Amino acid sequence: MFRKEQLMERIIDTEVERNMEFLRTNSYPGRGFIMGRSPDGDSIVQVYWLMGRSDNSRNRQLVQEDHLVKTAPIDPKKVKDPSLIIYNAMREEDDRYVVSNGKQTDTIFNAEKHLGSGFREAMFEWQYEPDEPNYTPRITAMYDRFAGGRRPAFQIAILSRSLLGECVRTYYEYEVMRRGYGYCVHTYDGDGDPLPSFSQHPYLMRIKSRMPARIALQIWQALDPDNRIAIAAKVINQETGKSLTHIINQY
């Protein structure tokens, strides 16, 4: 049994190293998040980052206002089209914690509050982004602190476009997260014209700290320095529900 456990740990270590290298060598993963659990097991971790190539995309930062982390323009006069670049990226309310790359963040809370709908139902209000020719996937994750029964604690949604133009809705649900690990999703497999949409499953990443500043720095250093714009790391205490957030902005 001990040897089997050692072998499994080596397999996991190899996979995690391969995944980190995949992120590190990807010049343009686009916007992305990680959701997982701290090494001590006491906290849930959410990370969100921004990247940008155009002047419109680079004219952004992440700012925190109470329980919101949102994108904001650095120079409001330079904003060309705010519809896809200004939104609440992280939000927490009623012991639910959502991270996403668009306005669907708010839809999840509004759907449950006014319609009694859940995560999947809320996502049906959206499709991939209408940014032809890229058709960027909408990526979303939620941690529900008091989930139970048939309601998983961790949910991830990826809304992408098929070759024929349909919206492909892919969901991942996790009852628990192993301490010291998380799952990563981002919008693109790499750079290109048009940009190739993310085609992986959420992939395993190691979370090395319970301190949001260290977590943010760990992932920030893995992102391409020419294209990274901002990153936010949030640590949520599972017992109290209180959170701490650290933000790094490039500009």
C-alpha atoms as a PDB file:
ATOM      1  CA  MET A   1       0.000   0.000   0.000  1.00  0.00           C
ATOM      2  CA  PHE A   2       2.825   2.386   0.898  1.00  0.00           C
ATOM      3  CA  ARG A   3       4.480   1.835  -2.481  1.00  0.00           C
ATOM      4  CA  LYS A   4       1.198   2.446  -4.278  1.00  0.00           C
ATOM      5  CA  GLU A   5       0.782   5.716  -2.423  1.00  0.00           C
ATOM      6  CA  GLN A   6       4.333   6.745  -3.275  1.00  0.00           C
ATOM      7  CA  LEU A   7       3.758   5.915  -6.938  1.00  0.00           C
ATOM      8  CA  MET A   8       0.538   7.920  -6.991  1.00  0.00           C
ATOM      9  CA  GLU A   9       2.273  10.907  -5.411  1.00  0.00           C
ATOM     10  CA  ARG A  10       4.985  10.761  -8.070  1.00  0.00           C
ATOM     11  CA  ILE A  11       2.341  10.644 -10.797  1.00  0.00           C
ATOM     12  CA  ILE A  12       0.601  13.665  -9.271  1.00  0.00           C
ATOM     13  CA  ASP A  13       3.890  15.561  -8.924  1.00  0.00           C
ATOM     14  CA  THR A  14       4.752  14.872 -12.562  1.00  0.00           C
ATOM     15  CA  GLU A  15       1.334  16.005 -13.719  1.00  0.00           C
ATOM     16  CA  VAL A  16       1.471  19.203 -11.662  1.00  0.00           C
ATOM     17  CA  GLU A  17       4.947  20.063 -12.954  1.00  0.00           C
ATOM     18  CA  ARG A  18       3.811  19.445 -16.529  1.00  0.00           C
ATOM     19  CA  ASN A  19       0.784  21.665 -16.028  1.00  0.00           C
ATOM     20  CA  MET A  20       2.802  24.490 -14.505  1.00  0.00           C
ATOM     21  CA  GLU A  21       5.186  24.306 -17.449  1.00  0.00           C
ATOM     22  CA  PHE A  22       2.208  24.424 -19.827  1.00  0.00           C
ATOM     23  CA  LEU A  23       1.042  27.652 -18.199  1.00  0.00           C
ATOM     24  CA  ARG A  24       4.549  29.090 -17.984  1.00  0.00           C
ATOM     25  CA  THR A  25       5.283  28.516 -21.683  1.00  0.00           C
ATOM     26  CA  ASN A  26       1.878  29.709 -22.880  1.00  0.00           C
ATOM     27  CA  SER A  27       2.476  33.251 -24.109  1.00  0.00           C
ATOM     28  CA  TYR A  28      -1.217  34.046 -24.089  1.00  0.00           C
ATOM     29  CA  PRO A  29      -3.556  31.953 -21.907  1.00  0.00           C
ATOM     30  CA  GLY A  30      -5.912  34.950 -21.752  1.00  0.00           C
ATOM     31  CA  ARG A  31      -8.036  35.396 -18.652  1.00  0.00           C
ATOM     32  CA  GLY A  32      -7.978  32.543 -16.187  1.00  0.00           C
ATOM     33  CA  PHE A  33      -8.711  31.272 -12.703  1.00  0.00           C
ATOM     34  CA  ILE A  34      -7.681  28.624 -10.224  1.00  0.00           C
ATOM     35  CA  MET A  35      -9.953  27.214  -7.524  1.00  0.00           C
ATOM     36  CA  GLY A  36      -8.597  24.915  -4.835  1.00  0.00           C
ATOM     37  CA  ARG A  37      -7.603  24.448  -1.222  1.00  0.00           C
ATOM     38  CA  SER A  38      -4.720  25.692   0.891  1.00  0.00           C
ATOM     39  CA  PRO A  39      -1.932  23.309   1.988  1.00  0.00           C
ATOM     40  CA  ASP A  40      -3.178  23.299   5.607  1.00  0.00           C
ATOM     41  CA  GLY A  41      -6.703  22.476   4.439  1.00  0.00           C
ATOM     42  CA  ASP A  42      -8.285  25.342   6.375  1.00  0.00           C
ATOM     43  CA  SER A  43      -9.027  27.656   3.465  1.00  0.00           C
ATOM     44  CA  ILE A  44     -10.419  27.677  -0.043  1.00  0.00           C
ATOM     45  CA  VAL A  45      -8.359  29.524  -2.646  1.00  0.00           C
ATOM     46  CA  GLN A  46      -9.563  31.419  -5.707  1.00  0.00           C
ATOM     47  CA  VAL A  47      -7.215  33.136  -8.153  1.00  0.00           C
ATOM     48  CA  TYR A  48      -8.135  35.305 -11.134  1.00  0.00           C
ATOM     49  CA  TRP A  49      -5.869  36.939 -13.691  1.00  0.00           C
ATOM     50  CA  LEU A  50      -6.068  39.271 -16.674  1.00  0.00           C
ATOM     51  CA  MET A  51      -3.891  39.381 -19.770  1.00  0.00           C
ATOM     52  CA  GLY A  52      -4.042  41.723 -22.720  1.00  0.00           C
ATOM     53  CA  ARG A  53      -2.554  42.394 -26.154  1.00  0.00           C
ATOM     54  CA  SER A  54      -4.550  45.392 -27.381  1.00  0.00           C
ATOM     55  CA  ASP A  55      -4.451  48.885 -25.902  1.00  0.00           C
ATOM     56  CA  ASN A  56      -8.085  48.445 -24.839  1.00  0.00           C
ATOM     57  CA  SER A  57      -7.267  45.257 -22.919  1.00  0.00           C
ATOM     58  CA  ARG A  58      -4.089  46.645 -21.391  1.00  0.00           C
ATOM     59  CA  ASN A  59      -5.938  49.698 -20.102  1.00  0.00           C
ATOM     60  CA  ARG A  60      -7.241  47.653 -17.144  1.00  0.00           C
ATOM     61  CA  GLN A  61      -6.550  46.911 -13.535  1.00  0.00           C
ATOM     62  CA  LEU A  62      -8.176  44.896 -10.769  1.00  0.00           C
ATOM     63  CA  VAL A  63      -9.603  46.826  -7.832  1.00  0.00           C
ATOM     64  CA  GLN A  64     -11.303  45.690  -4.631  1.00  0.00           C
ATOM     65  CA  GLU A  65     -14.441  47.257  -3.206  1.00  0.00           C
ATOM     66  CA  ASP A  66     -15.745  45.509  -0.091  1.00  0.00           C
ATOM     67  CA  HIS A  67     -16.571  41.936  -1.218  1.00  0.00           C
ATOM     68  CA  LEU A  68     -16.048  42.662  -4.908  1.00  0.00           C
ATOM     69  CA  VAL A  69     -12.962  42.427  -7.085  1.00  0.00           C
ATOM     70  CA  LYS A  70     -13.670  44.064 -10.410  1.00  0.00           C
ATOM     71  CA  THR A  71     -11.930  45.200 -13.532  1.00  0.00           C
ATOM     72  CA  ALA A  72     -11.564  48.941 -13.946  1.00  0.00           C
ATOM     73  CA  PRO A  73      -9.981  51.176 -16.588  1.00  0.00           C
ATOM     74  CA  ILE A  74      -6.673  52.811 -15.796  1.00  0.00           C
ATOM     75  CA  ASP A  75      -7.548  55.723 -18.070  1.00  0.00           C
ATOM     76  CA  PRO A  76     -11.354  55.978 -18.582  1.00  0.00           C
ATOM     77  CA  LYS A  77     -10.832  58.252 -21.603  1.00  0.00           C
ATOM     78  CA  LYS A  78      -9.124  55.430 -23.510  1.00  0.00           C
ATOM     79  CA  VAL A  79     -11.910  52.866 -23.091  1.00  0.00           C
ATOM     80  CA  LYS A  80     -13.302  51.888 -26.498  1.00  0.00           C
ATOM     81  CA  ASP A  81     -15.808  49.147 -25.642  1.00  0.00           C
ATOM     82  CA  PRO A  82     -16.467  48.438 -21.941  1.00  0.00           C
ATOM     83  CA  SER A  83     -19.010  45.651 -22.520  1.00  0.00           C
ATOM     84  CA  LEU A  84     -16.511  42.773 -22.419  1.00  0.00           C
ATOM     85  CA  ILE A  85     -13.695  44.230 -20.339  1.00  0.00           C
ATOM     86  CA  ILE A  86     -15.442  45.869 -17.342  1.00  0.00           C
ATOM     87  CA  TYR A  87     -17.160  43.474 -14.927  1.00  0.00           C
ATOM     88  CA  ASN A  88     -17.128  41.969 -11.437  1.00  0.00           C
ATOM     89  CA  ALA A  89     -14.506  39.219 -11.552  1.00  0.00           C
ATOM     90  CA  MET A  90     -14.883  38.024  -7.945  1.00  0.00           C
ATOM     91  CA  ARG A  91     -17.940  38.337  -5.739  1.00  0.00           C
ATOM     92  CA  GLU A  92     -19.037  36.801  -2.459  1.00  0.00           C
ATOM     93  CA  GLU A  93     -22.485  36.801  -0.909  1.00  0.00           C
ATOM     94  CA  ASP A  94     -24.556  34.416   1.233  1.00  0.00           C
ATOM     95  CA  ASP A  95     -21.592  32.053   1.674  1.00  0.00           C
ATOM     96  CA  ARG A  96     -21.091  31.656  -2.063  1.00  0.00           C
ATOM     97  CA  TYR A  97     -17.907  32.798  -3.769  1.00  0.00           C
ATOM     98  CA  VAL A  98     -17.844  33.266  -7.532  1.00  0.00           C
ATOM     99  CA  VAL A  99     -14.989  34.023  -9.915  1.00  0.00           C
ATOM    100  CA  SER A 100     -15.512  34.542 -13.641  1.00  0.00           C
ATOM    101  CA  ASN A 101     -14.304  36.384 -16.726  1.00  0.00           C
ATOM    102  CA  GLY A 102     -17.489  38.392 -17.349  1.00  0.00           C
ATOM    103  CA  LYS A 103     -20.862  39.719 -16.289  1.00  0.00           C
ATOM    104  CA  GLN A 104     -22.104  36.203 -15.548  1.00  0.00           C
ATOM    105  CA  THR A 105     -20.609  36.696 -12.067  1.00  0.00           C
ATOM    106  CA  ASP A 106     -23.629  38.778 -11.055  1.00  0.00           C
ATOM    107  CA  THR A 107     -26.141  36.599 -12.906  1.00  0.00           C
ATOM    108  CA  ILE A 108     -25.421  33.672 -10.586  1.00  0.00           C
ATOM    109  CA  PHE A 109     -26.375  35.666  -7.487  1.00  0.00           C
ATOM    110  CA  ASN A 110     -29.374  37.352  -9.114  1.00  0.00           C
ATOM    111  CA  ALA A 111     -30.754  34.066 -10.441  1.00  0.00           C
ATOM    112  CA  GLU A 112     -30.736  32.400  -7.044  1.00  0.00           C
ATOM    113  CA  LYS A 113     -32.043  35.453  -5.222  1.00  0.00           C
ATOM    114  CA  HIS A 114     -34.955  36.222  -7.550  1.00  0.00           C
ATOM    115  CA  LEU A 115     -35.677  32.953  -9.344  1.00  0.00           C
ATOM    116  CA  GLY A 116     -34.432  30.293  -6.955  1.00  0.00           C
ATOM    117  CA  SER A 117     -32.165  28.970  -9.697  1.00  0.00           C
ATOM    118  CA  GLY A 118     -28.778  27.371  -9.244  1.00  0.00           C
ATOM    119  CA  PHE A 119     -25.381  27.641 -10.894  1.00  0.00           C
ATOM    120  CA  ARG A 120     -26.203  25.754 -14.088  1.00  0.00           C
ATOM    121  CA  GLU A 121     -29.517  27.494 -14.619  1.00  0.00           C
ATOM    122  CA  ALA A 122     -27.869  30.900 -14.235  1.00  0.00           C
ATOM    123  CA  MET A 123     -25.247  30.027 -16.827  1.00  0.00           C
ATOM    124  CA  PHE A 124     -27.979  29.336 -19.404  1.00  0.00           C
ATOM    125  CA  GLU A 125     -28.501  33.085 -19.643  1.00  0.00           C
ATOM    126  CA  TRP A 126     -25.107  33.316 -21.343  1.00  0.00           C
ATOM    127  CA  GLN A 127     -23.107  31.936 -24.239  1.00  0.00           C
ATOM    128  CA  TYR A 128     -19.506  32.395 -25.321  1.00  0.00           C
ATOM    129  CA  GLU A 129     -18.462  36.026 -25.804  1.00  0.00           C
ATOM    130  CA  PRO A 130     -19.532  37.690 -29.089  1.00  0.00           C
ATOM    131  CA  ASP A 131     -16.006  38.891 -29.903  1.00  0.00           C
ATOM    132  CA  GLU A 132     -15.702  37.576 -33.462  1.00  0.00           C
ATOM    133  CA  PRO A 133     -13.466  35.939 -34.657  1.00  0.00           C
ATOM    134  CA  ASN A 134     -12.186  34.717 -31.257  1.00  0.00           C
ATOM    135  CA  TYR A 135     -15.518  33.844 -29.615  1.00  0.00           C
ATOM    136  CA  THR A 136     -13.827  33.781 -26.232  1.00  0.00           C
ATOM    137  CA  PRO A 137     -15.174  31.139 -23.814  1.00  0.00           C
ATOM    138  CA  ARG A 138     -16.981  32.292 -20.690  1.00  0.00           C
ATOM    139  CA  ILE A 139     -15.337  30.613 -17.717  1.00  0.00           C
ATOM    140  CA  THR A 140     -16.856  30.581 -14.236  1.00  0.00           C
ATOM    141  CA  ALA A 141     -16.274  28.869 -10.893  1.00  0.00           C
ATOM    142  CA  MET A 142     -18.216  28.877  -7.632  1.00  0.00           C
ATOM    143  CA  TYR A 143     -17.502  27.674  -4.110  1.00  0.00           C
ATOM    144  CA  ASP A 144     -20.598  27.106  -1.947  1.00  0.00           C
ATOM    145  CA  ARG A 145     -19.591  26.963   1.729  1.00  0.00           C
ATOM    146  CA  PHE A 146     -22.779  25.254   2.883  1.00  0.00           C
ATOM    147  CA  ALA A 147     -23.371  22.955  -0.059  1.00  0.00           C
ATOM    148  CA  GLY A 148     -24.661  19.503   0.716  1.00  0.00           C
ATOM    149  CA  GLY A 149     -26.866  16.698  -0.518  1.00  0.00           C
ATOM    150  CA  ARG A 150     -27.050  16.945  -4.297  1.00  0.00           C
ATOM    151  CA  ARG A 151     -25.406  20.354  -4.379  1.00  0.00           C
ATOM    152  CA  PRO A 152     -21.639  20.134  -4.911  1.00  0.00           C
ATOM    153  CA  ALA A 153     -19.378  22.532  -3.053  1.00  0.00           C
ATOM    154  CA  PHE A 154     -17.260  23.367  -6.107  1.00  0.00           C
ATOM    155  CA  GLN A 155     -18.553  23.991  -9.619  1.00  0.00           C
ATOM    156  CA  ILE A 156     -16.857  25.092 -12.846  1.00  0.00           C
ATOM    157  CA  ALA A 157     -18.527  26.057 -16.125  1.00  0.00           C
ATOM    158  CA  ILE A 158     -16.940  26.578 -19.537  1.00  0.00           C
ATOM    159  CA  LEU A 159     -19.148  28.000 -22.293  1.00  0.00           C
ATOM    160  CA  SER A 160     -17.353  27.696 -25.631  1.00  0.00           C
ATOM    161  CA  ARG A 161     -18.207  27.755 -29.320  1.00  0.00           C
ATOM    162  CA  SER A 162     -18.256  24.694 -31.552  1.00  0.00           C
ATOM    163  CA  LEU A 163     -17.038  24.747 -35.150  1.00  0.00           C
ATOM    164  CA  LEU A 164     -20.674  24.981 -36.249  1.00  0.00           C
ATOM    165  CA  GLY A 165     -21.421  27.898 -33.952  1.00  0.00           C
ATOM    166  CA  GLU A 166     -23.345  26.144 -31.173  1.00  0.00           C
ATOM    167  CA  CYS A 167     -22.671  26.983 -27.551  1.00  0.00           C
ATOM    168  CA  VAL A 168     -21.033  23.995 -25.877  1.00  0.00           C
ATOM    169  CA  ARG A 169     -21.719  23.986 -22.135  1.00  0.00           C
ATOM    170  CA  THR A 170     -19.262  21.938 -20.088  1.00  0.00           C
ATOM    171  CA  TYR A 171     -19.635  21.600 -16.322  1.00  0.00           C
ATOM    172  CA  TYR A 172     -17.372  20.132 -13.677  1.00  0.00           C
ATOM    173  CA  GLU A 173     -18.487  19.426 -10.116  1.00  0.00           C
ATOM    174  CA  TYR A 174     -16.336  18.512  -7.123  1.00  0.00           C
ATOM    175  CA  GLU A 175     -17.563  17.500  -3.681  1.00  0.00           C
ATOM    176  CA  VAL A 176     -14.164  18.182  -2.096  1.00  0.00           C
ATOM    177  CA  MET A 177     -10.791  19.619  -3.027  1.00  0.00           C
ATOM    178  CA  ARG A 178      -7.581  17.993  -1.890  1.00  0.00           C
ATOM    179  CA  ARG A 179      -5.448  20.223   0.296  1.00  0.00           C
ATOM    180  CA  GLY A 180      -2.599  21.927  -1.495  1.00  0.00           C
ATOM    181  CA  TYR A 181      -4.126  21.605  -4.971  1.00  0.00           C
ATOM    182  CA  GLY A 182      -6.506  23.447  -7.264  1.00  0.00           C
ATOM    183  CA  TYR A 183      -7.937  23.319 -10.773  1.00  0.00           C
ATOM    184  CA  CYS A 184      -6.995  25.819 -13.462  1.00  0.00           C
ATOM    185  CA  VAL A 185      -9.035  27.060 -16.426  1.00  0.00           C
ATOM    186  CA  HIS A 186      -8.245  29.852 -18.879  1.00  0.00           C
ATOM    187  CA  THR A 187      -9.731  31.206 -22.076  1.00  0.00           C
ATOM    188  CA  TYR A 188      -7.077  30.294 -24.674  1.00  0.00           C
ATOM    189  CA  ASP A 189      -4.729  27.423 -25.410  1.00  0.00           C
ATOM    190  CA  GLY A 190      -2.161  29.935 -26.657  1.00  0.00           C
ATOM    191  CA  ASP A 191      -1.586  32.916 -28.913  1.00  0.00           C
ATOM    192  CA  GLY A 192      -2.908  33.078 -32.462  1.00  0.00           C
ATOM    193  CA  ASP A 193      -5.229  34.846 -34.879  1.00  0.00           C
ATOM    194  CA  PRO A 194      -7.925  33.980 -34.163  1.00  0.00           C
ATOM    195  CA  LEU A 195      -7.095  32.960 -30.621  1.00  0.00           C
ATOM    196  CA  PRO A 196      -7.531  29.203 -30.025  1.00  0.00           C
ATOM    197  CA  SER A 197     -10.141  28.581 -27.313  1.00  0.00           C
ATOM    198  CA  PHE A 198      -9.264  26.573 -24.216  1.00  0.00           C
ATOM    199  CA  SER A 199      -9.751  22.901 -25.104  1.00  0.00           C
ATOM    200  CA  GLN A 200      -8.546  21.164 -21.950  1.00  0.00           C
ATOM    201  CA  HIS A 201     -10.252  19.877 -18.848  1.00  0.00           C
ATOM    202  CA  PRO A 202      -9.607  21.960 -15.730  1.00  0.00           C
ATOM    203  CA  TYR A 203      -6.055  20.962 -14.952  1.00  0.00           C
ATOM    204  CA  LEU A 204      -4.344  20.310 -11.652  1.00  0.00           C
ATOM    205  CA  MET A 205      -2.111  22.957 -10.075  1.00  0.00           C
ATOM    206  CA  ARG A 206      -0.252  23.048  -6.789  1.00  0.00           C
ATOM    207  CA  ILE A 207      -1.148  25.694  -4.227  1.00  0.00           C
ATOM    208  CA  LYS A 208       1.945  26.286  -2.110  1.00  0.00           C
ATOM    209  CA  SER A 209       0.719  28.741   0.520  1.00  0.00           C
ATOM    210  CA  ARG A 210      -2.271  29.913   2.529  1.00  0.00           C
ATOM    211  CA  MET A 211      -1.190  33.558   2.193  1.00  0.00           C
ATOM    212  CA  PRO A 212      -2.951  35.385  -0.668  1.00  0.00           C
ATOM    213  CA  ALA A 213       0.105  37.529  -1.470  1.00  0.00           C
ATOM    214  CA  ARG A 214       2.308  34.450  -1.915  1.00  0.00           C
ATOM    215  CA  ILE A 215      -0.301  32.635  -3.973  1.00  0.00           C
ATOM    216  CA  ALA A 216      -0.745  35.648  -6.250  1.00  0.00           C
ATOM    217  CA  LEU A 217       3.005  35.947  -6.732  1.00  0.00           C
ATOM    218  CA  GLN A 218       3.390  32.224  -7.490  1.00  0.00           C
ATOM    219  CA  ILE A 219       0.935  32.378 -10.398  1.00  0.00           C
ATOM    220  CA  TRP A 220       1.955  35.887 -11.494  1.00  0.00           C
ATOM    221  CA  GLN A 221       5.520  34.711 -12.027  1.00  0.00           C
ATOM    222  CA  ALA A 222       4.242  31.870 -14.241  1.00  0.00           C
ATOM    223  CA  LEU A 223       2.374  34.247 -16.585  1.00  0.00           C
ATOM    224  CA  ASP A 224       4.021  35.750 -19.647  1.00  0.00           C
ATOM    225  CA  PRO A 225       5.574  39.061 -18.490  1.00  0.00           C
ATOM    226  CA  ASP A 226       4.808  40.819 -21.789  1.00  0.00           C
ATOM    227  CA  ASN A 227       1.091  40.079 -21.665  1.00  0.00           C
ATOM    228  CA  ARG A 228       0.104  39.793 -18.002  1.00  0.00           C
ATOM    229  CA  ILE A 229      -2.024  42.679 -16.726  1.00  0.00           C
ATOM    230  CA  ALA A 230      -3.304  41.883 -13.226  1.00  0.00           C
ATOM    231  CA  ILE A 231      -3.964  39.072 -10.771  1.00  0.00           C
ATOM    232  CA  ALA A 232      -6.028  38.653  -7.601  1.00  0.00           C
ATOM    233  CA  ALA A 233      -5.766  35.826  -5.059  1.00  0.00           C
ATOM    234  CA  LYS A 234      -8.494  35.253  -2.472  1.00  0.00           C
ATOM    235  CA  VAL A 235      -8.262  32.950   0.547  1.00  0.00           C
ATOM    236  CA  ILE A 236     -11.568  31.977   2.205  1.00  0.00           C
ATOM    237  CA  ASN A 237     -11.630  30.576   5.747  1.00  0.00           C
ATOM    238  CA  GLN A 238     -13.861  27.498   5.592  1.00  0.00           C
ATOM    239  CA  GLU A 239     -14.950  27.827   9.223  1.00  0.00           C
ATOM    240  CA  THR A 240     -15.811  31.529   9.346  1.00  0.00           C
ATOM    241  CA  GLY A 241     -16.358  32.395   5.691  1.00  0.00           C
ATOM    242  CA  LYS A 242     -14.138  35.451   5.996  1.00  0.00           C
ATOM    243  CA  SER A 243     -11.803  36.155   3.106  1.00  0.00           C
ATOM    244  CA  LEU A 244      -8.551  37.966   2.376  1.00  0.00           C
ATOM    245  CA  THR A 245      -7.576  39.181  -1.081  1.00  0.00           C
ATOM    246  CA  HIS A 246      -4.281  40.336  -2.566  1.00  0.00           C
ATOM    247  CA  ILE A 247      -4.017  42.110  -5.941  1.00  0.00           C
ATOM    248  CA  ILE A 248      -1.037  42.710  -8.225  1.00  0.00           C
ATOM    249  CA  ASN A 249      -1.447  45.192 -11.101  1.00  0.00           C
ATOM    250  CA  GLN A 250       1.124  45.532 -13.873  1.00  0.00           C
ATOM    251  CA  TYR A 251       0.385  49.168 -14.679  1.00  0.00           C
END
